[in-house]
Amino acid sequence: MARRPPNDGASWSARELKTLKALAKAGTPTSQVAKKLGRTAAAVQQKAMRAGISFRAAKRSGARRKK
């Protein structure tokens, strides 16, 4: 049986939500955010979606590869 994260099923604190927003803004992958917060990646994605936080990477600017 798989181990559950320490905060599995616990309510999100204001501090965790603030950390979630900051890490999402910095472009941190959800898997890393989950480890830092002691949550599953699915829980992080769901909370972000409900809170209106986006983990989508910003479009890259610069030159494209030439064929």
N, C-alpha and C. Protein backbone atom coordinates (compact mmCIF):
# COMPACT_ATOMS: atom_id res chain seq x y z
N MET A 1 0.84 -1.18 0.00
CA MET A 1 0.00 0.00 0.00
C MET A 1 0.89 1.24 0.00
N ALA A 2 0.52 2.23 -0.77
CA ALA A 2 1.30 3.46 -0.89
C ALA A 2 1.15 4.32 0.37
N ARG A 3 2.23 5.01 0.71
CA ARG A 3 2.19 5.93 1.85
C ARG A 3 1.44 7.19 1.46
N ARG A 4 0.69 7.70 2.39
CA ARG A 4 -0.04 8.94 2.16
C ARG A 4 0.83 10.12 2.58
N PRO A 5 0.68 11.24 1.88
CA PRO A 5 1.41 12.45 2.28
C PRO A 5 0.96 12.90 3.67
N PRO A 6 1.83 13.62 4.38
CA PRO A 6 1.51 14.05 5.75
C PRO A 6 0.22 14.86 5.88
N ASN A 7 -0.10 15.68 4.90
CA ASN A 7 -1.28 16.55 4.99
C ASN A 7 -2.48 15.99 4.24
N ASP A 8 -2.45 14.71 3.91
CA ASP A 8 -3.53 14.09 3.15
C ASP A 8 -4.86 14.25 3.87
N GLY A 9 -5.81 14.88 3.22
CA GLY A 9 -7.15 15.05 3.78
C GLY A 9 -7.31 16.25 4.70
N ALA A 10 -6.22 16.90 5.05
CA ALA A 10 -6.29 18.06 5.95
C ALA A 10 -6.73 19.30 5.17
N SER A 11 -7.36 20.22 5.87
CA SER A 11 -7.75 21.49 5.26
C SER A 11 -6.51 22.29 4.90
N TRP A 12 -6.63 23.12 3.88
CA TRP A 12 -5.52 23.97 3.45
C TRP A 12 -5.44 25.20 4.35
N SER A 13 -4.26 25.50 4.83
CA SER A 13 -4.06 26.70 5.65
C SER A 13 -3.80 27.90 4.74
N ALA A 14 -3.93 29.08 5.30
CA ALA A 14 -3.65 30.31 4.55
C ALA A 14 -2.19 30.33 4.12
N ARG A 15 -1.32 29.81 4.96
CA ARG A 15 0.11 29.77 4.65
C ARG A 15 0.38 28.85 3.45
N GLU A 16 -0.28 27.68 3.43
CA GLU A 16 -0.11 26.75 2.31
C GLU A 16 -0.61 27.37 1.01
N LEU A 17 -1.73 28.06 1.08
CA LEU A 17 -2.29 28.69 -0.11
C LEU A 17 -1.35 29.78 -0.63
N LYS A 18 -0.76 30.54 0.27
CA LYS A 18 0.19 31.58 -0.12
C LYS A 18 1.42 30.95 -0.79
N THR A 19 1.90 29.84 -0.22
CA THR A 19 3.05 29.13 -0.79
C THR A 19 2.69 28.57 -2.16
N LEU A 20 1.49 28.02 -2.28
CA LEU A 20 1.02 27.48 -3.56
C LEU A 20 1.03 28.56 -4.64
N LYS A 21 0.50 29.73 -4.31
CA LYS A 21 0.47 30.84 -5.27
C LYS A 21 1.88 31.26 -5.68
N ALA A 22 2.77 31.37 -4.71
CA ALA A 22 4.14 31.81 -5.00
C ALA A 22 4.87 30.80 -5.87
N LEU A 23 4.73 29.53 -5.56
CA LEU A 23 5.43 28.50 -6.34
C LEU A 23 4.85 28.38 -7.75
N ALA A 24 3.55 28.53 -7.89
CA ALA A 24 2.93 28.49 -9.21
C ALA A 24 3.42 29.66 -10.05
N LYS A 25 3.48 30.83 -9.44
CA LYS A 25 3.95 32.02 -10.15
C LYS A 25 5.40 31.87 -10.60
N ALA A 26 6.19 31.15 -9.80
CA ALA A 26 7.60 30.92 -10.12
C ALA A 26 7.79 29.83 -11.18
N GLY A 27 6.69 29.14 -11.54
CA GLY A 27 6.78 28.11 -12.57
C GLY A 27 7.21 26.75 -12.04
N THR A 28 7.08 26.53 -10.75
CA THR A 28 7.46 25.26 -10.14
C THR A 28 6.47 24.17 -10.55
N PRO A 29 6.96 23.00 -10.97
CA PRO A 29 6.06 21.91 -11.37
C PRO A 29 5.19 21.45 -10.19
N THR A 30 3.98 21.00 -10.49
CA THR A 30 3.05 20.59 -9.44
C THR A 30 3.62 19.46 -8.59
N SER A 31 4.40 18.57 -9.17
CA SER A 31 4.96 17.46 -8.39
C SER A 31 5.90 17.98 -7.30
N GLN A 32 6.68 19.01 -7.62
CA GLN A 32 7.58 19.59 -6.62
C GLN A 32 6.80 20.37 -5.56
N VAL A 33 5.76 21.07 -5.98
CA VAL A 33 4.91 21.80 -5.04
C VAL A 33 4.27 20.81 -4.07
N ALA A 34 3.81 19.69 -4.60
CA ALA A 34 3.16 18.67 -3.78
C ALA A 34 4.12 18.14 -2.71
N LYS A 35 5.35 17.87 -3.09
CA LYS A 35 6.33 17.38 -2.11
C LYS A 35 6.59 18.42 -1.03
N LYS A 36 6.72 19.66 -1.44
CA LYS A 36 7.01 20.74 -0.49
C LYS A 36 5.86 20.93 0.50
N LEU A 37 4.63 20.79 0.02
CA LEU A 37 3.46 21.02 0.87
C LEU A 37 2.96 19.75 1.57
N GLY A 38 3.54 18.61 1.22
CA GLY A 38 3.09 17.35 1.83
C GLY A 38 1.72 16.94 1.35
N ARG A 39 1.44 17.22 0.08
CA ARG A 39 0.15 16.91 -0.55
C ARG A 39 0.41 16.06 -1.79
N THR A 40 -0.64 15.51 -2.35
CA THR A 40 -0.50 14.81 -3.62
C THR A 40 -0.52 15.83 -4.74
N ALA A 41 0.03 15.45 -5.89
CA ALA A 41 0.02 16.35 -7.05
C ALA A 41 -1.42 16.65 -7.47
N ALA A 42 -2.29 15.64 -7.37
CA ALA A 42 -3.70 15.84 -7.73
C ALA A 42 -4.37 16.86 -6.80
N ALA A 43 -4.05 16.80 -5.51
CA ALA A 43 -4.62 17.75 -4.55
C ALA A 43 -4.15 19.17 -4.85
N VAL A 44 -2.88 19.29 -5.22
CA VAL A 44 -2.32 20.60 -5.55
C VAL A 44 -3.00 21.16 -6.80
N GLN A 45 -3.16 20.32 -7.82
CA GLN A 45 -3.80 20.77 -9.06
C GLN A 45 -5.25 21.17 -8.81
N GLN A 46 -5.95 20.38 -8.01
CA GLN A 46 -7.36 20.68 -7.73
C GLN A 46 -7.50 21.98 -6.95
N LYS A 47 -6.66 22.17 -5.93
CA LYS A 47 -6.74 23.39 -5.13
C LYS A 47 -6.39 24.60 -5.98
N ALA A 48 -5.38 24.47 -6.83
CA ALA A 48 -4.99 25.58 -7.70
C ALA A 48 -6.14 25.94 -8.64
N MET A 49 -6.78 24.94 -9.21
CA MET A 49 -7.89 25.19 -10.13
C MET A 49 -9.03 25.91 -9.40
N ARG A 50 -9.38 25.44 -8.22
CA ARG A 50 -10.48 26.05 -7.46
C ARG A 50 -10.15 27.46 -6.99
N ALA A 51 -8.85 27.73 -6.76
CA ALA A 51 -8.42 29.05 -6.29
C ALA A 51 -8.09 29.99 -7.44
N GLY A 52 -8.20 29.49 -8.68
CA GLY A 52 -7.90 30.32 -9.84
C GLY A 52 -6.43 30.55 -10.07
N ILE A 53 -5.61 29.58 -9.65
CA ILE A 53 -4.16 29.67 -9.80
C ILE A 53 -3.76 28.81 -10.99
N SER A 54 -2.94 29.37 -11.88
CA SER A 54 -2.52 28.65 -13.08
C SER A 54 -1.09 28.16 -12.96
N PHE A 55 -0.88 26.91 -13.36
CA PHE A 55 0.46 26.34 -13.41
C PHE A 55 0.98 26.27 -14.85
N ARG A 56 0.24 26.81 -15.77
CA ARG A 56 0.68 26.77 -17.17
C ARG A 56 1.92 27.61 -17.35
N ALA A 57 2.85 27.07 -18.07
CA ALA A 57 4.11 27.80 -18.31
C ALA A 57 3.86 28.99 -19.22
N ALA A 58 4.56 30.03 -18.97
CA ALA A 58 4.46 31.21 -19.82
C ALA A 58 5.04 30.88 -21.19
N LYS A 59 4.49 31.49 -22.21
CA LYS A 59 5.01 31.25 -23.55
C LYS A 59 6.44 31.75 -23.64
N ARG A 60 7.25 30.95 -24.27
CA ARG A 60 8.66 31.32 -24.41
C ARG A 60 8.82 32.29 -25.56
N SER A 61 9.62 33.29 -25.33
CA SER A 61 9.91 34.22 -26.42
C SER A 61 11.30 33.89 -26.96
N GLY A 62 11.58 34.38 -28.11
CA GLY A 62 12.90 34.13 -28.69
C GLY A 62 12.80 33.50 -30.05
N ALA A 63 13.94 33.18 -30.59
CA ALA A 63 14.01 32.63 -31.94
C ALA A 63 13.54 31.19 -31.97
N ARG A 64 12.91 30.83 -33.05
CA ARG A 64 12.49 29.45 -33.25
C ARG A 64 13.57 28.74 -34.05
N ARG A 65 13.56 27.42 -33.92
CA ARG A 65 14.54 26.64 -34.68
C ARG A 65 14.23 26.72 -36.16
N LYS A 66 15.27 26.81 -36.95
CA LYS A 66 15.10 26.82 -38.40
C LYS A 66 15.21 25.40 -38.91
N LYS A 67 14.40 25.08 -39.90
CA LYS A 67 14.44 23.74 -40.48
C LYS A 67 15.37 23.68 -41.65
